[in-house]
N, C-alpha and C. Protein backbone atom coordinates (compact mmCIF):
# COMPACT_ATOMS: atom_id res chain seq x y z
N MET A 1 38.18 35.42 -108.94
CA MET A 1 38.51 35.22 -110.18
C MET A 1 39.19 36.50 -110.31
N ILE A 2 40.72 35.99 -111.08
CA ILE A 2 41.10 37.19 -111.31
C ILE A 2 41.08 37.22 -113.15
N HIS A 3 40.73 38.87 -112.89
CA HIS A 3 40.23 39.26 -114.34
C HIS A 3 41.65 39.55 -115.16
N HIS A 4 42.20 40.46 -114.12
CA HIS A 4 43.82 41.43 -115.63
C HIS A 4 43.96 41.51 -113.45
N MET A 5 45.83 41.84 -114.25
CA MET A 5 46.59 42.46 -112.95
C MET A 5 48.09 42.95 -114.48
N SER A 6 48.32 43.85 -113.42
CA SER A 6 49.24 44.78 -114.45
C SER A 6 50.31 44.48 -113.61
N PHE A 7 51.73 45.11 -114.84
CA PHE A 7 53.17 45.64 -114.37
C PHE A 7 54.00 46.13 -115.22
N GLY A 8 54.86 46.94 -114.70
CA GLY A 8 55.85 47.62 -115.43
C GLY A 8 56.57 47.43 -116.06
N VAL A 9 56.61 47.73 -117.30
CA VAL A 9 58.42 47.69 -118.19
C VAL A 9 58.51 48.53 -118.78
N ARG A 10 60.24 48.21 -119.86
CA ARG A 10 60.90 49.32 -120.34
C ARG A 10 59.98 49.77 -121.82
N ASP A 11 59.61 48.67 -121.82
CA ASP A 11 58.99 48.41 -123.56
C ASP A 11 57.51 47.59 -123.90
N PRO A 12 56.82 48.42 -123.27
CA PRO A 12 55.27 48.05 -122.57
C PRO A 12 55.44 47.01 -123.99
N GLY A 13 54.89 47.91 -125.49
CA GLY A 13 54.37 47.74 -126.45
C GLY A 13 55.32 46.17 -127.26
N ARG A 14 56.42 46.64 -127.24
CA ARG A 14 57.30 44.85 -127.20
C ARG A 14 56.60 43.74 -126.34
N VAL A 15 56.58 43.98 -125.22
CA VAL A 15 56.38 42.65 -124.19
C VAL A 15 54.98 42.29 -124.45
N ALA A 16 54.00 43.50 -124.78
CA ALA A 16 52.49 43.00 -125.48
C ALA A 16 52.66 42.85 -126.48
N ARG A 17 52.81 42.67 -126.84
CA ARG A 17 53.33 41.93 -128.43
C ARG A 17 53.71 40.43 -128.16
N VAL A 18 54.84 40.09 -127.35
CA VAL A 18 55.65 39.18 -127.47
C VAL A 18 54.75 38.22 -126.48
N LEU A 19 54.14 38.64 -125.71
CA LEU A 19 53.41 38.16 -124.01
C LEU A 19 51.91 37.29 -125.19
N ALA A 20 51.88 38.56 -125.90
CA ALA A 20 50.41 37.62 -126.53
C ALA A 20 50.18 36.58 -128.00
N GLU A 21 51.86 36.67 -128.65
CA GLU A 21 51.76 35.78 -129.40
C GLU A 21 51.80 34.25 -128.51
N LEU A 22 52.89 34.47 -127.18
CA LEU A 22 52.73 33.34 -126.56
C LEU A 22 51.39 32.78 -126.13
N MET A 23 50.55 33.78 -125.97
CA MET A 23 48.80 33.61 -125.38
C MET A 23 47.86 33.10 -126.53
N GLU A 24 48.50 33.22 -127.63
CA GLU A 24 47.37 33.68 -128.61
C GLU A 24 46.29 34.45 -127.89
N ALA A 25 46.94 35.45 -128.00
CA ALA A 25 45.80 36.61 -127.23
C ALA A 25 46.34 37.85 -128.52
N THR A 26 45.56 38.81 -127.92
CA THR A 26 45.86 40.22 -128.81
C THR A 26 45.69 40.97 -127.78
N ALA A 27 46.97 41.97 -128.79
CA ALA A 27 47.76 43.20 -127.69
C ALA A 27 47.50 44.27 -128.44
N LEU A 28 46.49 45.12 -127.48
CA LEU A 28 45.81 46.56 -127.76
C LEU A 28 46.51 47.61 -126.77
N ARG A 29 46.60 49.13 -127.76
CA ARG A 29 46.92 49.96 -127.48
C ARG A 29 45.86 50.37 -126.42
N ALA A 30 46.53 50.72 -124.62
CA ALA A 30 45.48 51.24 -123.91
C ALA A 30 45.37 52.74 -124.56
N PRO A 31 43.28 52.95 -123.66
CA PRO A 31 44.00 54.45 -124.16
C PRO A 31 44.04 55.24 -123.06
N THR A 32 44.44 56.11 -123.34
CA THR A 32 45.29 57.28 -122.59
C THR A 32 43.88 58.70 -122.67
N PRO A 33 43.18 59.05 -121.43
CA PRO A 33 42.83 58.30 -120.77
C PRO A 33 42.30 57.35 -120.62
N PRO A 34 41.88 56.83 -119.68
CA PRO A 34 42.38 56.59 -118.14
C PRO A 34 43.77 55.94 -117.76
N PHE A 35 44.41 55.19 -119.16
CA PHE A 35 45.90 54.51 -118.72
C PHE A 35 46.82 55.34 -119.59
N PRO A 36 47.72 55.21 -118.28
CA PRO A 36 49.10 56.25 -118.80
C PRO A 36 49.54 56.18 -120.50
N HIS A 37 50.10 57.20 -120.98
CA HIS A 37 51.04 56.83 -122.29
C HIS A 37 51.61 55.99 -122.23
N ASP A 38 51.87 54.89 -123.77
CA ASP A 38 52.06 53.89 -123.56
C ASP A 38 52.16 52.33 -122.52
N ALA A 39 50.84 53.10 -122.49
CA ALA A 39 49.70 51.10 -121.73
C ALA A 39 49.42 50.60 -122.81
N TRP A 40 49.81 49.25 -122.63
CA TRP A 40 49.15 47.94 -123.56
C TRP A 40 48.33 46.92 -122.69
N LEU A 41 47.09 46.46 -123.37
CA LEU A 41 46.71 45.65 -122.98
C LEU A 41 46.90 44.60 -123.65
N VAL A 42 46.91 42.83 -122.63
CA VAL A 42 47.16 41.60 -123.66
C VAL A 42 45.88 40.46 -123.51
N ALA A 43 44.79 41.10 -124.31
CA ALA A 43 43.58 40.13 -124.34
C ALA A 43 43.88 38.74 -124.66
N SER A 44 43.23 38.26 -123.14
CA SER A 44 42.75 36.44 -124.28
C SER A 44 42.11 36.63 -124.75
N GLY A 45 40.92 36.89 -124.74
CA GLY A 45 39.20 36.82 -125.06
C GLY A 45 39.03 35.53 -124.61
N ASP A 46 39.34 35.32 -123.63
CA ASP A 46 37.84 34.22 -123.25
C ASP A 46 36.81 34.52 -122.23
N THR A 47 36.29 33.83 -121.74
CA THR A 47 34.82 33.96 -121.14
C THR A 47 34.68 34.77 -120.25
N GLN A 48 35.80 35.48 -119.13
CA GLN A 48 35.86 36.10 -118.32
C GLN A 48 36.35 37.04 -118.51
N GLY A 49 36.56 37.52 -119.97
CA GLY A 49 37.79 39.04 -120.24
C GLY A 49 39.08 39.26 -119.59
N SER A 50 39.05 37.99 -119.17
CA SER A 50 40.82 38.20 -118.28
C SER A 50 42.23 39.07 -119.92
N PHE A 51 42.97 39.84 -119.09
CA PHE A 51 43.69 40.64 -119.99
C PHE A 51 44.79 41.01 -119.14
N LEU A 52 46.85 40.97 -118.95
CA LEU A 52 47.55 41.44 -118.62
C LEU A 52 47.78 43.30 -119.15
N GLU A 53 47.69 44.08 -118.01
CA GLU A 53 48.03 45.27 -117.91
C GLU A 53 49.55 45.46 -118.23
N ILE A 54 50.02 46.29 -119.62
CA ILE A 54 51.28 46.19 -119.70
C ILE A 54 51.19 47.75 -119.22
N LEU A 55 52.08 48.05 -118.28
CA LEU A 55 52.33 49.72 -118.07
C LEU A 55 53.44 50.14 -118.37
N PRO A 56 53.91 51.53 -118.53
CA PRO A 56 55.47 51.87 -118.83
C PRO A 56 56.01 51.65 -117.49
N ALA A 57 57.01 51.45 -116.82
CA ALA A 57 57.93 51.24 -115.74
C ALA A 57 57.88 52.46 -114.97
N THR A 58 57.74 53.58 -115.29
CA THR A 58 57.37 54.78 -114.58
C THR A 58 56.23 54.74 -114.00
N ALA A 59 54.98 54.42 -114.38
CA ALA A 59 53.86 54.77 -114.12
C ALA A 59 53.71 54.08 -112.34
N VAL A 60 52.91 54.35 -111.61
CA VAL A 60 52.60 53.81 -109.79
C VAL A 60 51.36 53.94 -110.32
N PHE A 61 50.94 53.00 -109.29
CA PHE A 61 49.48 53.17 -108.44
C PHE A 61 49.74 54.14 -107.64
N ASP A 62 48.84 55.36 -107.02
CA ASP A 62 49.31 55.94 -105.86
C ASP A 62 47.97 56.34 -105.80
N PRO A 63 47.54 56.38 -104.25
CA PRO A 63 45.90 56.72 -103.91
C PRO A 63 45.62 58.04 -103.56
N ASP A 64 46.74 59.18 -103.57
CA ASP A 64 46.79 60.33 -103.40
C ASP A 64 46.56 61.03 -105.37
N ALA A 65 47.15 60.33 -105.84
CA ALA A 65 47.54 61.21 -106.82
C ALA A 65 45.99 61.40 -108.21
N PRO A 66 46.08 62.33 -108.68
CA PRO A 66 45.15 62.04 -109.40
C PRO A 66 45.21 61.09 -110.63
N LEU A 67 44.15 60.57 -110.79
CA LEU A 67 43.39 59.96 -111.31
C LEU A 67 44.20 58.15 -110.74
N GLY A 68 44.49 58.48 -109.66
CA GLY A 68 45.16 56.61 -108.63
C GLY A 68 46.78 56.62 -109.74
N ILE A 69 47.02 57.06 -110.36
CA ILE A 69 48.60 57.00 -111.07
C ILE A 69 49.30 58.31 -110.55
N ARG A 70 50.35 58.16 -111.30
CA ARG A 70 51.83 59.12 -110.70
C ARG A 70 52.88 58.52 -112.05
N GLN A 71 53.69 59.60 -112.22
CA GLN A 71 54.88 58.99 -112.91
C GLN A 71 56.56 59.17 -112.15
N ARG A 72 56.88 58.60 -111.91
CA ARG A 72 58.38 58.38 -110.97
C ARG A 72 59.12 58.23 -112.31
N PRO A 73 60.61 58.33 -111.46
CA PRO A 73 61.43 57.24 -112.57
C PRO A 73 61.42 56.40 -112.12
N ALA A 74 61.82 55.70 -113.40
CA ALA A 74 61.75 54.13 -113.35
C ALA A 74 62.48 53.33 -112.91
N THR A 75 62.24 52.50 -112.05
CA THR A 75 63.41 51.45 -111.59
C THR A 75 63.60 49.91 -112.04
N PHE A 76 64.64 49.70 -111.84
CA PHE A 76 64.16 48.02 -112.77
C PHE A 76 64.83 47.19 -111.73
N GLU A 77 64.29 46.92 -110.74
CA GLU A 77 64.75 45.82 -109.38
C GLU A 77 63.79 44.80 -109.56
N PRO A 78 64.11 43.48 -109.48
CA PRO A 78 62.77 42.53 -109.17
C PRO A 78 61.81 43.08 -108.60
N VAL A 79 60.57 42.29 -109.01
CA VAL A 79 59.72 42.91 -108.06
C VAL A 79 59.18 41.88 -107.45
N THR A 80 58.45 42.22 -106.24
CA THR A 80 57.18 40.64 -105.61
C THR A 80 56.60 40.63 -106.16
N ALA A 81 55.71 40.85 -107.28
CA ALA A 81 54.04 40.25 -107.90
C ALA A 81 54.79 39.39 -108.89
N HIS A 82 54.01 38.73 -109.66
CA HIS A 82 53.92 37.78 -110.90
C HIS A 82 53.76 37.47 -110.99
N VAL A 83 52.97 36.54 -112.36
CA VAL A 83 51.25 36.08 -112.99
C VAL A 83 51.80 34.85 -113.48
N LEU A 84 50.51 34.05 -113.58
CA LEU A 84 51.07 32.61 -114.19
C LEU A 84 50.27 32.70 -115.26
N VAL A 85 50.38 32.55 -115.75
CA VAL A 85 49.15 31.98 -117.62
C VAL A 85 49.30 30.96 -118.40
N SER A 86 48.54 30.51 -118.98
CA SER A 86 48.74 29.76 -119.76
C SER A 86 49.34 29.81 -121.01
N ALA A 87 49.70 29.53 -121.99
CA ALA A 87 50.58 29.58 -123.17
C ALA A 87 49.79 28.81 -123.91
N ALA A 88 50.01 28.86 -124.95
CA ALA A 88 49.35 28.40 -126.29
C ALA A 88 50.49 27.80 -127.00
N VAL A 89 51.61 27.40 -126.29
CA VAL A 89 52.49 26.88 -127.66
C VAL A 89 53.10 26.22 -126.60
N ASP A 90 54.22 25.97 -126.93
CA ASP A 90 55.24 24.21 -125.79
C ASP A 90 56.09 25.56 -124.85
N ALA A 91 57.12 24.46 -124.40
CA ALA A 91 57.76 24.97 -123.86
C ALA A 91 58.90 25.62 -124.33
N ALA A 92 59.31 25.15 -125.67
CA ALA A 92 60.20 25.00 -126.25
C ALA A 92 60.25 26.12 -126.97
N SER A 93 59.06 26.98 -127.48
CA SER A 93 58.62 27.65 -128.25
C SER A 93 58.83 29.52 -127.34
N ILE A 94 58.35 28.88 -125.63
CA ILE A 94 58.48 30.09 -125.13
C ILE A 94 60.02 30.02 -125.12
N GLU A 95 60.65 29.44 -124.70
CA GLU A 95 62.40 29.36 -124.28
C GLU A 95 63.38 30.16 -125.60
N THR A 96 62.66 29.69 -126.69
CA THR A 96 62.73 30.39 -128.24
C THR A 96 62.75 31.76 -127.84
N ALA A 97 61.83 32.25 -127.97
CA ALA A 97 60.95 33.49 -127.75
C ALA A 97 61.62 34.69 -126.94
N ALA A 98 61.87 33.85 -125.47
CA ALA A 98 62.83 34.42 -124.55
C ALA A 98 64.58 34.33 -125.43
N ALA A 99 65.11 33.62 -125.84
CA ALA A 99 66.52 34.07 -126.32
C ALA A 99 66.42 34.78 -127.11
N HIS A 100 64.77 34.85 -128.13
CA HIS A 100 64.89 36.02 -129.19
C HIS A 100 65.18 37.43 -128.73
N GLU A 101 64.55 37.81 -127.38
CA GLU A 101 64.12 38.73 -126.69
C GLU A 101 65.55 39.47 -125.90
N GLY A 102 66.26 38.10 -125.49
CA GLY A 102 67.30 38.37 -124.50
C GLY A 102 66.83 38.15 -123.01
N TRP A 103 66.15 37.58 -122.70
CA TRP A 103 65.25 37.45 -121.37
C TRP A 103 65.58 35.90 -121.32
N ARG A 104 65.63 35.76 -119.78
CA ARG A 104 65.72 34.61 -118.73
C ARG A 104 64.62 33.62 -118.85
N ALA A 105 65.12 32.37 -119.16
CA ALA A 105 64.05 31.49 -119.45
C ALA A 105 63.93 30.62 -118.32
N GLU A 106 63.62 29.84 -117.91
CA GLU A 106 63.46 28.06 -117.24
C GLU A 106 62.36 27.33 -116.58
N GLN A 107 62.42 25.85 -117.13
CA GLN A 107 61.35 25.08 -116.75
C GLN A 107 61.69 24.69 -115.36
N VAL A 108 60.31 24.91 -114.93
CA VAL A 108 60.63 23.80 -113.60
C VAL A 108 59.96 23.21 -113.09
N GLU A 109 60.12 22.39 -111.98
CA GLU A 109 58.85 21.74 -112.18
C GLU A 109 58.42 21.70 -110.72
N THR A 110 57.16 22.34 -110.22
CA THR A 110 57.04 22.36 -108.83
C THR A 110 56.37 21.29 -108.14
N GLY A 111 56.12 20.07 -108.23
CA GLY A 111 55.70 19.38 -107.66
C GLY A 111 53.84 18.97 -107.70
N LEU A 112 53.44 20.37 -108.34
CA LEU A 112 51.89 19.89 -108.46
C LEU A 112 51.76 19.87 -109.72
N PHE A 113 52.88 21.29 -110.29
CA PHE A 113 52.92 21.23 -112.18
C PHE A 113 53.92 21.99 -112.56
N ARG A 114 54.21 22.00 -113.83
CA ARG A 114 55.60 22.18 -114.66
C ARG A 114 54.63 23.91 -115.36
N ILE A 115 55.78 24.55 -115.01
CA ILE A 115 56.00 26.21 -115.44
C ILE A 115 57.15 26.02 -116.30
N VAL A 116 57.52 27.43 -116.72
CA VAL A 116 58.35 27.80 -117.35
C VAL A 116 57.94 29.22 -117.21
N LYS A 117 59.61 29.65 -116.55
CA LYS A 117 59.68 30.87 -115.39
C LYS A 117 60.31 31.99 -117.00
N LEU A 118 59.24 32.77 -117.38
CA LEU A 118 60.07 34.32 -117.70
C LEU A 118 60.47 35.00 -117.16
N TRP A 119 61.64 35.57 -117.17
CA TRP A 119 62.04 36.91 -116.64
C TRP A 119 61.64 38.22 -118.02
N VAL A 120 60.71 38.58 -117.80
CA VAL A 120 60.16 39.96 -118.46
C VAL A 120 61.41 41.19 -118.39
N GLU A 121 62.12 41.06 -119.62
CA GLU A 121 63.48 42.47 -119.69
C GLU A 121 64.25 42.00 -118.56
N ASP A 122 64.19 40.60 -117.67
CA ASP A 122 65.06 40.27 -116.44
C ASP A 122 64.47 41.21 -115.17
N ASN A 123 63.35 41.43 -115.39
CA ASN A 123 62.76 42.17 -113.88
C ASN A 123 61.47 41.51 -113.65
N VAL A 124 60.58 41.10 -114.61
CA VAL A 124 59.43 41.27 -113.72
C VAL A 124 58.98 39.78 -114.13
N LEU A 125 58.28 38.82 -113.61
CA LEU A 125 58.48 37.32 -114.00
C LEU A 125 56.97 37.02 -114.10
N VAL A 126 57.17 36.40 -115.43
CA VAL A 126 55.83 36.04 -115.89
C VAL A 126 55.85 34.06 -115.94
N GLU A 127 54.44 33.62 -115.49
CA GLU A 127 54.98 32.13 -115.59
C GLU A 127 54.12 31.62 -116.22
N PHE A 128 54.95 30.69 -117.40
CA PHE A 128 53.96 29.95 -118.14
C PHE A 128 53.36 28.57 -118.00
N LEU A 129 52.05 28.39 -118.01
CA LEU A 129 51.36 26.94 -117.85
C LEU A 129 51.78 26.61 -119.79
N ALA A 130 52.68 25.43 -119.98
CA ALA A 130 53.00 25.91 -121.66
C ALA A 130 52.04 24.55 -121.91
N LYS A 131 51.28 24.48 -123.25
CA LYS A 131 50.30 24.03 -123.73
C LYS A 131 50.63 22.98 -122.98
N GLY A 132 49.71 22.19 -122.54
CA GLY A 132 49.33 21.06 -121.94
C GLY A 132 49.16 20.73 -120.71
N GLU A 133 50.13 21.59 -119.87
CA GLU A 133 50.63 21.39 -118.57
C GLU A 133 48.97 21.90 -117.80
N ALA A 134 48.28 22.58 -117.98
CA ALA A 134 46.86 23.41 -117.42
C ALA A 134 46.34 22.62 -116.19
N ASP A 135 46.22 21.35 -116.75
CA ASP A 135 45.19 20.67 -115.76
C ASP A 135 46.30 19.79 -114.81
N ARG A 136 47.34 19.87 -114.86
CA ARG A 136 48.00 19.21 -113.68
C ARG A 136 47.58 21.08 -112.77
N TYR A 137 47.64 22.18 -113.15
CA TYR A 137 47.48 22.82 -112.24
C TYR A 137 45.92 22.70 -112.34
N ILE A 138 45.03 22.88 -112.91
CA ILE A 138 43.45 23.09 -112.28
C ILE A 138 43.51 22.14 -111.48
N GLU A 139 44.21 21.03 -112.11
CA GLU A 139 43.75 19.54 -110.72
C GLU A 139 44.08 19.83 -109.24
N ALA A 140 45.00 20.59 -109.15
CA ALA A 140 45.78 20.61 -107.90
C ALA A 140 45.05 21.45 -107.74
N PHE A 141 44.90 22.88 -108.06
CA PHE A 141 43.73 24.13 -107.59
C PHE A 141 42.16 24.61 -107.21
N GLY A 142 42.04 23.38 -108.43
CA GLY A 142 40.62 23.81 -108.87
C GLY A 142 39.72 22.48 -107.94
N PRO A 143 38.56 22.53 -108.15
CA PRO A 143 37.70 22.40 -107.20
C PRO A 143 37.95 20.79 -106.95
N VAL A 144 38.13 19.88 -107.43
CA VAL A 144 38.33 18.85 -107.09
C VAL A 144 39.14 18.83 -106.50
N GLY A 145 40.75 19.41 -106.99
CA GLY A 145 41.83 19.03 -105.36
C GLY A 145 41.71 20.04 -104.74
N LEU A 146 40.96 21.04 -103.90
CA LEU A 146 41.06 22.12 -103.40
C LEU A 146 40.82 21.16 -101.77
N PRO A 147 39.73 20.06 -101.37
CA PRO A 147 40.13 19.75 -100.30
C PRO A 147 41.25 19.13 -99.62
N SER A 148 42.38 18.82 -100.91
CA SER A 148 43.25 18.27 -100.18
C SER A 148 44.27 19.02 -100.51
N LEU A 149 44.49 20.39 -100.55
CA LEU A 149 45.50 21.22 -101.07
C LEU A 149 46.45 21.06 -100.03
N ASP A 150 45.84 21.59 -99.11
CA ASP A 150 46.71 21.83 -98.16
C ASP A 150 47.75 20.89 -97.34
N GLY A 151 46.89 19.47 -97.17
CA GLY A 151 47.88 18.38 -97.85
C GLY A 151 49.05 18.46 -98.49
N LYS A 152 48.81 18.38 -99.85
CA LYS A 152 49.82 18.59 -100.81
C LYS A 152 50.80 19.31 -100.55
N LEU A 153 50.24 20.65 -100.12
CA LEU A 153 51.33 21.94 -99.67
C LEU A 153 51.99 21.92 -98.56
N ARG A 154 51.89 20.99 -97.67
CA ARG A 154 52.69 20.68 -96.35
C ARG A 154 53.62 19.57 -96.72
N ASP A 155 52.98 18.63 -97.36
CA ASP A 155 54.00 17.28 -97.93
C ASP A 155 55.22 18.46 -98.73
N LEU A 156 55.36 19.04 -99.60
CA LEU A 156 55.69 19.76 -101.08
C LEU A 156 56.95 20.39 -100.21
N GLU A 157 56.70 20.93 -99.22
CA GLU A 157 57.45 21.93 -98.45
C GLU A 157 58.19 21.34 -97.85
N ALA A 158 57.99 19.63 -97.26
CA ALA A 158 58.62 19.07 -96.22
C ALA A 158 59.85 18.41 -97.13
N LYS A 159 59.57 17.79 -98.44
CA LYS A 159 60.39 17.14 -99.55
C LYS A 159 61.42 18.33 -99.82
N LEU A 160 60.60 19.37 -99.74
CA LEU A 160 61.76 20.05 -101.00
C LEU A 160 62.48 21.01 -99.92
N GLY A 161 61.93 21.35 -98.72
CA GLY A 161 62.47 21.56 -97.45
C GLY A 161 64.08 21.06 -97.34
N ASN A 162 63.60 19.68 -97.35
CA ASN A 162 64.69 18.68 -96.92
C ASN A 162 66.28 18.85 -98.01
N ALA A 163 65.07 18.41 -98.77
CA ALA A 163 65.71 18.17 -100.48
C ALA A 163 66.91 19.35 -100.55
N LEU A 164 66.85 20.58 -100.02
CA LEU A 164 67.73 21.90 -100.74
C LEU A 164 68.51 21.91 -99.60
N ALA A 165 67.84 21.55 -98.30
CA ALA A 165 68.73 21.99 -97.23
C ALA A 165 70.08 21.10 -97.35
N GLN A 166 70.13 19.45 -98.20
CA GLN A 166 71.21 18.32 -97.87
C GLN A 166 72.39 19.47 -99.29
N LYS A 167 71.04 19.96 -100.27
CA LYS A 167 71.88 20.70 -101.33
C LYS A 167 72.95 21.85 -101.33
N LEU A 168 72.16 22.62 -100.22
CA LEU A 168 72.35 24.21 -100.14
C LEU A 168 73.37 24.60 -99.01
N PRO A 169 74.25 25.48 -99.23
CA PRO A 169 74.85 25.71 -98.25
C PRO A 169 74.40 25.99 -96.81
N PRO A 170 74.66 25.55 -95.90
CA PRO A 170 74.06 26.08 -94.42
C PRO A 170 73.50 27.89 -93.93
N GLY A 171 72.45 28.27 -94.51
CA GLY A 171 71.57 29.41 -94.44
C GLY A 171 71.71 30.68 -95.52
N VAL A 172 71.67 29.33 -97.01
CA VAL A 172 71.36 29.83 -97.76
C VAL A 172 69.99 29.74 -97.76
N LEU A 173 69.03 28.87 -97.15
CA LEU A 173 67.65 28.57 -97.85
C LEU A 173 67.55 29.82 -96.80
N GLU A 174 67.56 30.32 -95.69
CA GLU A 174 67.00 30.83 -94.44
C GLU A 174 67.44 32.11 -95.59
N LYS A 175 68.58 32.34 -95.91
CA LYS A 175 68.36 33.84 -96.42
C LYS A 175 67.50 33.92 -98.03
N ALA A 176 67.23 33.09 -98.27
CA ALA A 176 66.47 33.62 -99.58
C ALA A 176 64.74 33.38 -98.87
N LEU A 177 64.41 32.88 -98.14
CA LEU A 177 63.20 32.83 -97.16
C LEU A 177 62.79 33.66 -96.66
N GLY A 178 63.65 34.14 -95.53
CA GLY A 178 63.30 34.94 -94.72
C GLY A 178 63.52 34.74 -93.53
N HIS A 179 63.47 33.33 -92.87
CA HIS A 179 63.34 33.42 -92.00
C HIS A 179 64.07 31.64 -91.70
N PRO A 180 64.22 31.53 -90.47
CA PRO A 180 64.70 30.07 -90.41
C PRO A 180 63.73 28.58 -90.38
N ARG A 181 64.15 27.83 -91.19
CA ARG A 181 63.19 26.58 -90.99
C ARG A 181 63.25 25.88 -89.85
N ALA A 182 62.17 25.66 -89.69
CA ALA A 182 61.69 24.88 -88.16
C ALA A 182 61.85 23.37 -88.48
């Protein structure tokens, strides 16, 4: 069970308020200490106590630093981590909020469920299960779907890999994925 995750952005308060609106959650300024100055929490208020921790991009976790966190010059390169959350609104509302903020958004059918990719500040990927889409995700990754999940993933891998190999120029898929397809 994941109870919270964090990521850094240029404007934590603004990002927290937008995400809270889309999730029908509550944006709260985090206490300093122990959080860095201008950190925010987006608390869902669910039974698991789930929240997103929105930090300034200058704050990084470091096991050798006091309090386990230190400041550094901010970098604004895309990052490996992302999060998938349920939205309380439909896909069109997510896209409208993204356009208002100047962020990119796109709807993607994954083959197992449909998401809206929201590129917060064009740097951090927050994926949304728009209102009404969570059931497909839970069907695939929940207790009922888990026994057949690996087979579904391998089938998706084969179908999508072949479709993309036909659509993309030679070498593009391998470069994006980091290794040659078998």
